[in-house]
């Protein structure tokens, strides 16, 4: 069950349409150009997310950090690149909390 503080972080993260869209895009990582099946486990490179979103690098990174802090995505660092994927287990836990609470 998510705590009140965790729920507040999730609702804050999801209050922004661009962050919601990033979470939707990450549901299908193979939709990103150049994505290989082996890449799915580590996620999508932040530069690919930035390109699709049409946002600056710092804004994209900030939005992904907010999603990570809310427990909605997992970041994996490979060299100088950071990759993001959805945290499906935590998203399932969130959905269960919402069912239990509401």
N, C-alpha and C. Protein backbone atom coordinates (compact mmCIF):
# COMPACT_ATOMS: atom_id res chain seq x y z
N UNK A 1 0.85 -1.18 0.00
CA UNK A 1 0.00 0.00 0.00
C UNK A 1 0.89 1.25 0.00
N UNK A 2 0.56 2.19 -0.83
CA UNK A 2 1.28 3.45 -0.90
C UNK A 2 0.91 4.31 0.31
N UNK A 3 1.89 4.99 0.86
CA UNK A 3 1.64 5.93 1.95
C UNK A 3 1.05 7.22 1.37
N UNK A 4 0.57 8.06 2.25
CA UNK A 4 0.03 9.35 1.82
C UNK A 4 1.09 10.17 1.09
N UNK A 5 2.31 10.17 1.59
CA UNK A 5 3.42 10.90 0.98
C UNK A 5 3.74 10.35 -0.41
N UNK A 6 3.74 9.03 -0.55
CA UNK A 6 4.01 8.40 -1.85
C UNK A 6 2.91 8.75 -2.85
N UNK A 7 1.66 8.72 -2.40
CA UNK A 7 0.54 9.08 -3.29
C UNK A 7 0.64 10.53 -3.75
N UNK A 8 1.03 11.41 -2.85
CA UNK A 8 1.19 12.82 -3.22
C UNK A 8 2.26 12.97 -4.30
N UNK A 9 3.37 12.23 -4.18
CA UNK A 9 4.43 12.29 -5.19
C UNK A 9 3.93 11.76 -6.53
N UNK A 10 3.15 10.69 -6.50
CA UNK A 10 2.60 10.13 -7.74
C UNK A 10 1.64 11.12 -8.40
N UNK A 11 0.73 11.68 -7.62
CA UNK A 11 -0.24 12.61 -8.20
C UNK A 11 0.45 13.87 -8.73
N UNK A 12 1.50 14.32 -8.04
CA UNK A 12 2.26 15.47 -8.53
C UNK A 12 2.93 15.11 -9.86
N UNK A 13 3.54 13.92 -9.92
CA UNK A 13 4.22 13.49 -11.15
C UNK A 13 3.23 13.38 -12.31
N UNK A 14 2.06 12.87 -12.03
CA UNK A 14 1.07 12.65 -13.08
C UNK A 14 0.24 13.89 -13.41
N UNK A 15 0.46 14.98 -12.67
CA UNK A 15 -0.31 16.20 -12.93
C UNK A 15 0.15 16.92 -14.20
N UNK A 16 1.32 16.53 -14.69
CA UNK A 16 1.87 17.19 -15.87
C UNK A 16 1.62 16.32 -17.11
N UNK A 17 0.99 16.87 -18.15
CA UNK A 17 0.68 16.07 -19.34
C UNK A 17 1.91 15.47 -20.02
N UNK A 18 3.01 16.18 -20.05
CA UNK A 18 4.22 15.65 -20.70
C UNK A 18 4.77 14.45 -19.93
N UNK A 19 4.74 14.51 -18.61
CA UNK A 19 5.20 13.37 -17.81
C UNK A 19 4.28 12.18 -17.99
N UNK A 20 2.97 12.42 -18.03
CA UNK A 20 2.03 11.32 -18.29
C UNK A 20 2.31 10.69 -19.64
N UNK A 21 2.59 11.52 -20.64
CA UNK A 21 2.85 11.01 -21.99
C UNK A 21 4.13 10.18 -22.01
N UNK A 22 5.15 10.62 -21.30
CA UNK A 22 6.39 9.84 -21.23
C UNK A 22 6.13 8.46 -20.64
N UNK A 23 5.30 8.40 -19.62
CA UNK A 23 4.97 7.12 -18.99
C UNK A 23 4.22 6.22 -19.98
N UNK A 24 3.34 6.81 -20.77
CA UNK A 24 2.62 6.05 -21.81
C UNK A 24 3.59 5.54 -22.86
N UNK A 25 4.48 6.39 -23.33
CA UNK A 25 5.47 5.98 -24.34
C UNK A 25 6.32 4.83 -23.85
N UNK A 26 6.72 4.88 -22.58
CA UNK A 26 7.58 3.84 -22.03
C UNK A 26 6.87 2.50 -21.88
N UNK A 27 5.57 2.52 -22.01
CA UNK A 27 4.82 1.25 -21.98
C UNK A 27 5.17 0.40 -23.19
N UNK A 28 5.57 1.05 -24.29
CA UNK A 28 5.96 0.36 -25.52
C UNK A 28 7.34 0.83 -25.96
N UNK A 29 8.39 0.37 -25.29
CA UNK A 29 9.73 0.86 -25.61
C UNK A 29 10.16 0.57 -27.05
N UNK A 30 9.60 -0.46 -27.67
CA UNK A 30 9.97 -0.79 -29.05
C UNK A 30 9.44 0.25 -30.05
N UNK A 31 8.59 1.15 -29.61
CA UNK A 31 8.08 2.19 -30.51
C UNK A 31 9.12 3.29 -30.76
N UNK A 32 10.19 3.28 -29.98
CA UNK A 32 11.25 4.28 -30.17
C UNK A 32 12.17 3.81 -31.30
N UNK A 33 12.52 4.70 -32.23
CA UNK A 33 13.41 4.34 -33.33
C UNK A 33 14.75 3.80 -32.82
N UNK A 34 15.22 2.75 -33.47
CA UNK A 34 16.51 2.18 -33.12
C UNK A 34 16.52 1.29 -31.90
N UNK A 35 15.38 1.14 -31.26
CA UNK A 35 15.30 0.30 -30.06
C UNK A 35 15.38 -1.17 -30.47
N UNK A 36 16.25 -1.90 -29.82
CA UNK A 36 16.44 -3.33 -30.07
C UNK A 36 15.75 -4.14 -28.97
N UNK A 37 15.28 -5.34 -29.28
CA UNK A 37 14.64 -6.17 -28.24
C UNK A 37 15.49 -6.34 -26.99
N UNK A 38 16.80 -6.43 -27.15
CA UNK A 38 17.69 -6.59 -25.99
C UNK A 38 17.71 -5.33 -25.12
N UNK A 39 17.34 -4.18 -25.69
CA UNK A 39 17.35 -2.91 -24.96
C UNK A 39 16.17 -2.78 -23.99
N UNK A 40 15.12 -3.54 -24.22
CA UNK A 40 13.90 -3.39 -23.45
C UNK A 40 14.14 -3.54 -21.95
N UNK A 41 15.04 -4.43 -21.57
CA UNK A 41 15.29 -4.67 -20.15
C UNK A 41 15.93 -3.48 -19.45
N UNK A 42 16.75 -2.71 -20.16
CA UNK A 42 17.36 -1.55 -19.51
C UNK A 42 16.54 -0.29 -19.73
N UNK A 43 15.76 -0.25 -20.79
CA UNK A 43 14.88 0.89 -21.02
C UNK A 43 15.23 1.68 -22.26
N UNK A 44 14.75 2.90 -22.27
CA UNK A 44 14.91 3.80 -23.41
C UNK A 44 15.86 4.92 -22.99
N UNK A 45 16.78 5.24 -23.86
CA UNK A 45 17.76 6.30 -23.59
C UNK A 45 17.03 7.64 -23.44
N UNK A 46 17.48 8.42 -22.48
CA UNK A 46 16.86 9.72 -22.22
C UNK A 46 16.89 10.60 -23.47
N UNK A 47 17.91 10.48 -24.29
CA UNK A 47 17.98 11.31 -25.51
C UNK A 47 16.86 10.95 -26.49
N UNK A 48 16.48 9.66 -26.53
CA UNK A 48 15.37 9.25 -27.40
C UNK A 48 14.04 9.77 -26.87
N UNK A 49 13.89 9.78 -25.56
CA UNK A 49 12.67 10.32 -24.95
C UNK A 49 12.61 11.82 -25.19
N UNK A 50 13.74 12.49 -25.03
CA UNK A 50 13.82 13.93 -25.26
C UNK A 50 13.42 14.28 -26.69
N UNK A 51 13.96 13.52 -27.63
CA UNK A 51 13.67 13.79 -29.04
C UNK A 51 12.18 13.65 -29.33
N UNK A 52 11.56 12.60 -28.80
CA UNK A 52 10.13 12.40 -29.04
C UNK A 52 9.30 13.48 -28.36
N UNK A 53 9.71 13.88 -27.16
CA UNK A 53 8.94 14.87 -26.40
C UNK A 53 9.11 16.28 -26.97
N UNK A 54 10.22 16.52 -27.66
CA UNK A 54 10.46 17.86 -28.19
C UNK A 54 10.78 18.87 -27.10
N UNK A 55 11.34 18.40 -26.01
CA UNK A 55 11.70 19.26 -24.88
C UNK A 55 13.21 19.36 -24.79
N UNK A 56 13.67 20.32 -24.03
CA UNK A 56 15.10 20.46 -23.79
C UNK A 56 15.62 19.31 -22.92
N UNK A 57 16.93 19.12 -22.96
CA UNK A 57 17.55 18.04 -22.21
C UNK A 57 17.30 18.19 -20.71
N UNK A 58 17.44 19.39 -20.18
CA UNK A 58 17.28 19.57 -18.73
C UNK A 58 15.83 19.35 -18.30
N UNK A 59 14.88 19.81 -19.11
CA UNK A 59 13.47 19.61 -18.78
C UNK A 59 13.12 18.13 -18.83
N UNK A 60 13.58 17.43 -19.87
CA UNK A 60 13.32 16.00 -19.99
C UNK A 60 13.90 15.25 -18.79
N UNK A 61 15.14 15.55 -18.44
CA UNK A 61 15.78 14.90 -17.30
C UNK A 61 15.04 15.19 -16.00
N UNK A 62 14.61 16.43 -15.84
CA UNK A 62 13.87 16.80 -14.63
C UNK A 62 12.55 16.03 -14.56
N UNK A 63 11.84 15.94 -15.67
CA UNK A 63 10.56 15.22 -15.69
C UNK A 63 10.76 13.74 -15.37
N UNK A 64 11.79 13.14 -15.93
CA UNK A 64 12.06 11.73 -15.67
C UNK A 64 12.49 11.51 -14.23
N UNK A 65 13.20 12.46 -13.66
CA UNK A 65 13.58 12.37 -12.25
C UNK A 65 12.34 12.41 -11.35
N UNK A 66 11.41 13.25 -11.68
CA UNK A 66 10.16 13.33 -10.91
C UNK A 66 9.40 12.01 -11.00
N UNK A 67 9.34 11.43 -12.19
CA UNK A 67 8.68 10.12 -12.36
C UNK A 67 9.42 9.04 -11.57
N UNK A 68 10.75 9.11 -11.54
CA UNK A 68 11.54 8.14 -10.79
C UNK A 68 11.31 8.30 -9.29
N UNK A 69 11.32 9.52 -8.82
CA UNK A 69 11.11 9.77 -7.39
C UNK A 69 9.72 9.34 -6.95
N UNK A 70 8.76 9.37 -7.87
CA UNK A 70 7.41 8.91 -7.56
C UNK A 70 7.28 7.39 -7.64
N UNK A 71 8.35 6.73 -8.08
CA UNK A 71 8.34 5.27 -8.15
C UNK A 71 7.68 4.72 -9.40
N UNK A 72 7.55 5.55 -10.44
CA UNK A 72 6.87 5.11 -11.65
C UNK A 72 7.83 4.61 -12.72
N UNK A 73 9.10 5.02 -12.67
CA UNK A 73 10.10 4.55 -13.62
C UNK A 73 11.38 4.18 -12.88
N UNK A 74 12.18 3.38 -13.55
CA UNK A 74 13.49 2.95 -13.03
C UNK A 74 14.54 3.50 -13.97
N UNK A 75 15.59 4.09 -13.41
CA UNK A 75 16.70 4.62 -14.20
C UNK A 75 17.87 3.65 -14.11
N UNK A 76 18.51 3.40 -15.26
CA UNK A 76 19.70 2.56 -15.32
C UNK A 76 20.78 3.35 -16.04
N UNK A 77 21.91 3.47 -15.40
CA UNK A 77 23.03 4.22 -15.98
C UNK A 77 23.96 3.25 -16.70
N UNK A 78 24.30 3.55 -17.95
CA UNK A 78 25.28 2.80 -18.74
C UNK A 78 26.27 3.79 -19.32
N UNK A 79 27.45 3.86 -18.70
CA UNK A 79 28.42 4.84 -19.15
C UNK A 79 27.89 6.24 -18.92
N UNK A 80 27.90 7.06 -19.96
CA UNK A 80 27.39 8.43 -19.82
C UNK A 80 25.90 8.54 -20.13
N UNK A 81 25.25 7.44 -20.46
CA UNK A 81 23.84 7.44 -20.85
C UNK A 81 22.97 6.90 -19.72
N UNK A 82 21.77 7.46 -19.62
CA UNK A 82 20.78 6.97 -18.65
C UNK A 82 19.58 6.46 -19.43
N UNK A 83 19.11 5.31 -19.03
CA UNK A 83 17.96 4.66 -19.67
C UNK A 83 16.83 4.56 -18.66
N UNK A 84 15.61 4.68 -19.15
CA UNK A 84 14.44 4.63 -18.28
C UNK A 84 13.46 3.57 -18.76
N UNK A 85 12.87 2.90 -17.78
CA UNK A 85 11.79 1.95 -18.06
C UNK A 85 10.76 2.08 -16.95
N UNK A 86 9.56 1.66 -17.25
CA UNK A 86 8.49 1.71 -16.27
C UNK A 86 8.76 0.73 -15.13
N UNK A 87 8.38 1.09 -13.94
CA UNK A 87 8.46 0.18 -12.79
C UNK A 87 7.09 -0.49 -12.67
N UNK A 88 6.92 -1.55 -13.44
CA UNK A 88 5.61 -2.20 -13.53
C UNK A 88 5.13 -2.75 -12.18
N UNK A 89 6.04 -3.25 -11.36
CA UNK A 89 5.66 -3.77 -10.04
C UNK A 89 5.10 -2.64 -9.17
N UNK A 90 5.76 -1.50 -9.19
CA UNK A 90 5.30 -0.38 -8.38
C UNK A 90 4.01 0.22 -8.94
N UNK A 91 3.88 0.23 -10.26
CA UNK A 91 2.63 0.72 -10.87
C UNK A 91 1.48 -0.20 -10.48
N UNK A 92 1.71 -1.50 -10.45
CA UNK A 92 0.67 -2.45 -10.02
C UNK A 92 0.31 -2.21 -8.55
N UNK A 93 1.31 -1.93 -7.73
CA UNK A 93 1.08 -1.65 -6.31
C UNK A 93 0.27 -0.35 -6.16
N UNK A 94 0.56 0.64 -6.99
CA UNK A 94 -0.19 1.89 -6.98
C UNK A 94 -1.65 1.64 -7.34
N UNK A 95 -1.87 0.88 -8.40
CA UNK A 95 -3.24 0.60 -8.83
C UNK A 95 -4.01 -0.16 -7.76
N UNK A 96 -3.35 -1.08 -7.07
CA UNK A 96 -3.99 -1.80 -5.98
C UNK A 96 -4.33 -0.86 -4.83
N UNK A 97 -3.43 0.06 -4.53
CA UNK A 97 -3.70 1.05 -3.48
C UNK A 97 -4.92 1.89 -3.83
N UNK A 98 -5.00 2.32 -5.09
CA UNK A 98 -6.14 3.13 -5.52
C UNK A 98 -7.44 2.33 -5.42
N UNK A 99 -7.39 1.05 -5.79
CA UNK A 99 -8.59 0.20 -5.65
C UNK A 99 -8.99 0.06 -4.18
N UNK A 100 -8.00 -0.12 -3.30
CA UNK A 100 -8.29 -0.30 -1.89
C UNK A 100 -8.83 0.98 -1.26
N UNK A 101 -8.28 2.12 -1.64
CA UNK A 101 -8.65 3.38 -1.03
C UNK A 101 -9.98 3.91 -1.58
N UNK A 102 -10.16 3.79 -2.89
CA UNK A 102 -11.35 4.37 -3.51
C UNK A 102 -12.36 3.32 -3.88
